[in-house]
Amino acid sequence: MHHKRADAEQVEGTEEHGCTKVPNGGTITAGRVSAKIVGELVPIVELTLPQGESVYFEHHTILAKDPAVNIGVKKMKSGLGKRLIAGLPLIQVEAEGPGKVSLSRDGVGEVVVLKMDGHEVDVQQHHFLFASATVNYDYTRLKGWKNIFGGAATTYFMDQFSGHGLLALHGYGNVVVRQLSAHEEVDIEPSAWLFKDSSVTMNTHGIKLSSGLLGGSYLWMTRFTGPGRIAYMSYTLPMGVVEGA
């Protein structure tokens, strides 16, 4: 499949700190590739791919495609064994035009689009929707036992994306994006974060509740420290629950 870098990017929607929440009926354009958002509660992304243009996504998110669209498996850096042990998707699917492809993560929420310009972004698992073929994908293990086991953390790993093009994510409920300055901090419920710039650090900690019946209990929060963007969601799936299950 041909991987052509998008020469121009246009996104319709509410842009905030370099990412855009795309509403029902909004259109995303990157070079010759366009995507239309359909639906308000459980959004569908309808991609239009000209000849030779391609995007990739997780295989279970596809809803429909034109017969002319070529489907293949995207090469992954890590082996099948590592991904199986980590509980990560075993394959990424690449679709090449011409034709239309429709995708959805089967959950109530918003589609958030990031304009990738060479920087690196960390994404909580089970929120990736699609990326331009010129955007690189990898994953990394969360560092620190509190980040892995503390509070309502839902995974031991997080997705990483870098390169140039469009990266689309599904945020459950409503999504808030904050731009943190250097050393600025914010505490977020451990499973509520959606994405962060790789320059933003994270450290989960417990706040002891020592009053009355709650004595000895802990309120777990993850502290994110800038500089960079951090996004969080108003709704999170219960631990161990994946959309569509």
Foldseek 3Di string as FASTA:
>chain_A
DAADAFPDWDWDADDDQQKGWAAAQTKTDGRPKMWHWHDQFFIKIKIAAAAPWKKKFQPVFWDDWDPFKDKDWDDDPDAQVVCVVQVHRSTMMMIHDHIITMGTQQATFIKMKGFADFFKKKFAPQWWTMWGPQKDKDKDFDDDVCLAPNAQAQGRMIIMIGGGGMTMTTAHAYKDKDAADAFDKDWAHSQFWGMWGPQKDKDKDWDADCDDPSRPPTRIIIMIGDHTMIMGHPDGDGHPDHRPD
